[in-house]
């Protein structure tokens, strides 16, 4: 799979879907402010790490994918859930990059200029997020190859004549 930017979702979304994302994100942010006021900024900061628009985005992705499949005459529920899951997995991988970003800003900001720290932290975030994606992709492919090889071996041992017959064709 190649990394690419796909802007078709922007045209497919309706205005009220953006309003839902905005409202959900705003509500989470406001609640974080209440929590920070009551329990202090350290605890409130933990809640700011919650991906405020991820749940709204996941439901919209699932809805769009399901509708697309249903227009094609197929059941789209499983496909919609799978698409939302892929988006959530990408967000989780991006969180590793955000963790690196936060640590760099936390440790370097007192001793360095804001602009340099933010540039370094942003580059580190990008490198980390892409690296985690590449590592995950390599592991996923290795597991898929093993499963595929195991399935092939099992089918040959269960019915050796049919596989030999298939090879001679």
Protein backbone atom coordinates (compact mmCIF):
# COMPACT_ATOMS: atom_id res chain seq x y z
CA UNK A 1 0.00 0.00 0.00
CA UNK A 2 1.30 3.44 -0.92
CA UNK A 3 0.85 6.47 1.28
CA UNK A 4 -1.29 9.02 -0.52
CA UNK A 5 -3.60 11.93 0.14
CA UNK A 6 -7.20 11.40 -0.91
CA UNK A 7 -9.42 14.49 -0.90
CA UNK A 8 -12.53 12.84 -2.37
CA UNK A 9 -14.01 12.52 1.12
CA UNK A 10 -14.14 16.30 1.40
CA UNK A 11 -16.54 16.51 -1.54
CA UNK A 12 -18.64 13.57 -0.33
CA UNK A 13 -19.22 15.01 3.15
CA UNK A 14 -22.28 17.09 3.83
CA UNK A 15 -22.25 20.34 5.81
CA UNK A 16 -24.01 18.80 8.80
CA UNK A 17 -21.32 16.10 9.06
CA UNK A 18 -18.73 18.82 9.56
CA UNK A 19 -21.05 20.39 12.15
CA UNK A 20 -21.23 17.06 14.03
CA UNK A 21 -17.42 16.80 14.08
CA UNK A 22 -17.09 20.40 15.21
CA UNK A 23 -19.71 20.00 17.95
CA UNK A 24 -18.21 16.74 19.23
CA UNK A 25 -14.67 18.15 19.22
CA UNK A 26 -15.84 21.34 20.92
CA UNK A 27 -17.74 19.41 23.58
CA UNK A 28 -14.74 17.23 24.39
CA UNK A 29 -12.48 20.28 24.56
CA UNK A 30 -14.92 22.14 26.83
CA UNK A 31 -15.23 19.13 29.13
CA UNK A 32 -11.46 18.95 29.26
CA UNK A 33 -11.42 22.57 30.44
CA UNK A 34 -13.88 21.72 33.22
CA UNK A 35 -11.77 18.73 34.25
CA UNK A 36 -8.59 20.85 34.20
CA UNK A 37 -10.22 23.53 36.35
CA UNK A 38 -11.39 20.96 38.90
CA UNK A 39 -8.40 18.55 38.97
CA UNK A 40 -5.55 20.72 37.67
CA UNK A 41 -3.80 21.14 34.33
CA UNK A 42 -1.81 17.87 34.53
CA UNK A 43 -5.00 15.78 34.64
CA UNK A 44 -6.79 18.06 32.16
CA UNK A 45 -3.89 17.68 29.72
CA UNK A 46 -4.35 13.94 29.74
CA UNK A 47 -7.91 14.41 28.54
CA UNK A 48 -6.78 16.79 25.80
CA UNK A 49 -4.89 13.82 24.37
CA UNK A 50 -8.28 12.22 23.60
CA UNK A 51 -8.76 12.39 19.84
CA UNK A 52 -11.81 14.60 19.98
CA UNK A 53 -13.05 14.07 16.44
CA UNK A 54 -12.04 10.43 15.98
CA UNK A 55 -15.37 8.93 17.15
CA UNK A 56 -17.37 11.31 14.97
CA UNK A 57 -15.09 10.68 12.00
CA UNK A 58 -15.23 6.89 12.46
CA UNK A 59 -19.02 6.88 12.44
CA UNK A 60 -19.10 9.06 9.33
CA UNK A 61 -16.56 6.86 7.52
CA UNK A 62 -18.61 3.78 8.39
CA UNK A 63 -21.78 5.47 7.16
CA UNK A 64 -20.23 6.59 3.85
CA UNK A 65 -18.70 3.18 3.13
CA UNK A 66 -21.95 1.37 3.97
CA UNK A 67 -23.96 3.69 1.73
CA UNK A 68 -21.47 3.27 -1.14
CA UNK A 69 -21.68 -0.52 -0.94
CA UNK A 70 -25.48 -0.49 -0.66
CA UNK A 71 -25.73 1.68 -3.79
CA UNK A 72 -23.72 -1.01 -5.57
CA UNK A 73 -26.27 -3.60 -4.40
CA UNK A 74 -24.12 -5.14 -1.67
CA UNK A 75 -24.35 -5.35 2.08
CA UNK A 76 -21.90 -2.76 3.29
CA UNK A 77 -21.94 -3.09 7.07
CA UNK A 78 -18.78 -5.19 7.37
CA UNK A 79 -16.99 -3.05 4.80
CA UNK A 80 -17.99 0.14 6.63
CA UNK A 81 -16.75 -1.19 9.94
CA UNK A 82 -13.51 -2.31 8.34
CA UNK A 83 -12.96 1.17 6.83
CA UNK A 84 -13.61 2.84 10.19
CA UNK A 85 -11.22 0.38 11.82
CA UNK A 86 -8.48 1.19 9.32
CA UNK A 87 -8.93 4.89 10.05
CA UNK A 88 -8.75 4.26 13.81
CA UNK A 89 -5.60 2.16 13.34
CA UNK A 90 -4.02 5.04 11.44
CA UNK A 91 -4.94 7.40 14.26
CA UNK A 92 -3.38 5.03 16.79
CA UNK A 93 -0.16 4.91 14.77
CA UNK A 94 -0.16 8.71 14.61
CA UNK A 95 -0.39 8.79 18.41
CA UNK A 96 3.10 7.32 18.65
CA UNK A 97 4.30 10.32 16.70
CA UNK A 98 2.38 12.67 18.98
CA UNK A 99 4.01 11.08 22.00
CA UNK A 100 7.45 11.74 20.52
CA UNK A 101 6.37 15.31 19.66
CA UNK A 102 5.20 15.91 23.25
CA UNK A 103 8.38 14.53 24.82
CA UNK A 104 10.60 16.67 22.58
CA UNK A 105 8.62 19.83 23.34
CA UNK A 106 8.53 19.03 27.05
CA UNK A 107 12.27 18.38 27.33
CA UNK A 108 13.70 20.87 24.81
CA UNK A 109 11.46 23.92 25.17
CA UNK A 110 12.97 25.34 28.37
CA UNK A 111 16.47 25.42 26.84
CA UNK A 112 15.77 26.22 23.16
CA UNK A 113 13.78 28.62 21.04
CA UNK A 114 10.13 27.86 20.37
CA UNK A 115 10.49 27.82 16.57
CA UNK A 116 13.41 25.33 16.60
CA UNK A 117 11.70 23.05 19.10
CA UNK A 118 8.44 22.98 17.14
CA UNK A 119 10.23 22.31 13.85
CA UNK A 120 12.30 19.49 15.40
CA UNK A 121 9.27 18.01 17.16
CA UNK A 122 7.18 18.13 13.96
CA UNK A 123 9.88 16.37 11.95
CA UNK A 124 10.24 13.76 14.72
CA UNK A 125 6.46 13.27 14.74
CA UNK A 126 6.41 12.69 10.98
CA UNK A 127 9.37 10.29 11.01
CA UNK A 128 7.92 8.35 13.94
CA UNK A 129 4.39 8.07 12.52
CA UNK A 130 5.64 6.95 9.09
CA UNK A 131 8.13 4.52 10.67
CA UNK A 132 5.43 2.94 12.82
CA UNK A 133 3.24 2.58 9.73
CA UNK A 134 6.06 0.93 7.74
CA UNK A 135 6.93 -1.44 10.59
CA UNK A 136 3.27 -2.38 11.02
CA UNK A 137 2.94 -2.97 7.29
CA UNK A 138 5.99 -5.27 7.22
CA UNK A 139 4.78 -7.26 10.23
CA UNK A 140 1.26 -7.50 8.76
CA UNK A 141 2.60 -8.79 5.44
CA UNK A 142 4.82 -11.36 7.18
CA UNK A 143 1.85 -12.65 9.19
CA UNK A 144 -0.30 -12.78 6.04
CA UNK A 145 2.41 -14.76 4.20
CA UNK A 146 2.64 -17.26 7.07
CA UNK A 147 -1.13 -17.66 7.22
CA UNK A 148 -1.32 -18.09 3.47
CA UNK A 149 1.48 -20.69 3.50
CA UNK A 150 -0.19 -22.53 6.39
CA UNK A 151 -3.52 -22.57 4.59
CA UNK A 152 -1.89 -23.88 1.40
CA UNK A 153 -0.08 -26.66 3.30
CA UNK A 154 -3.27 -27.71 5.09
CA UNK A 155 -5.29 -27.87 1.87
CA UNK A 156 -2.60 -29.97 0.16
CA UNK A 157 -2.36 -32.46 3.04
CA UNK A 158 -6.13 -32.82 3.30
CA UNK A 159 -6.65 -33.53 -0.37
CA UNK A 160 -3.32 -34.31 -2.04
CA UNK A 161 -4.81 -35.73 -5.23
CA UNK A 162 -6.80 -32.62 -6.05
CA UNK A 163 -3.76 -30.38 -5.62
CA UNK A 164 -1.59 -32.69 -7.74
CA UNK A 165 -4.33 -32.75 -10.36
CA UNK A 166 -4.45 -28.96 -10.30
CA UNK A 167 -0.68 -28.67 -10.78
CA UNK A 168 -0.67 -30.92 -13.87
CA UNK A 169 -3.23 -28.82 -15.73
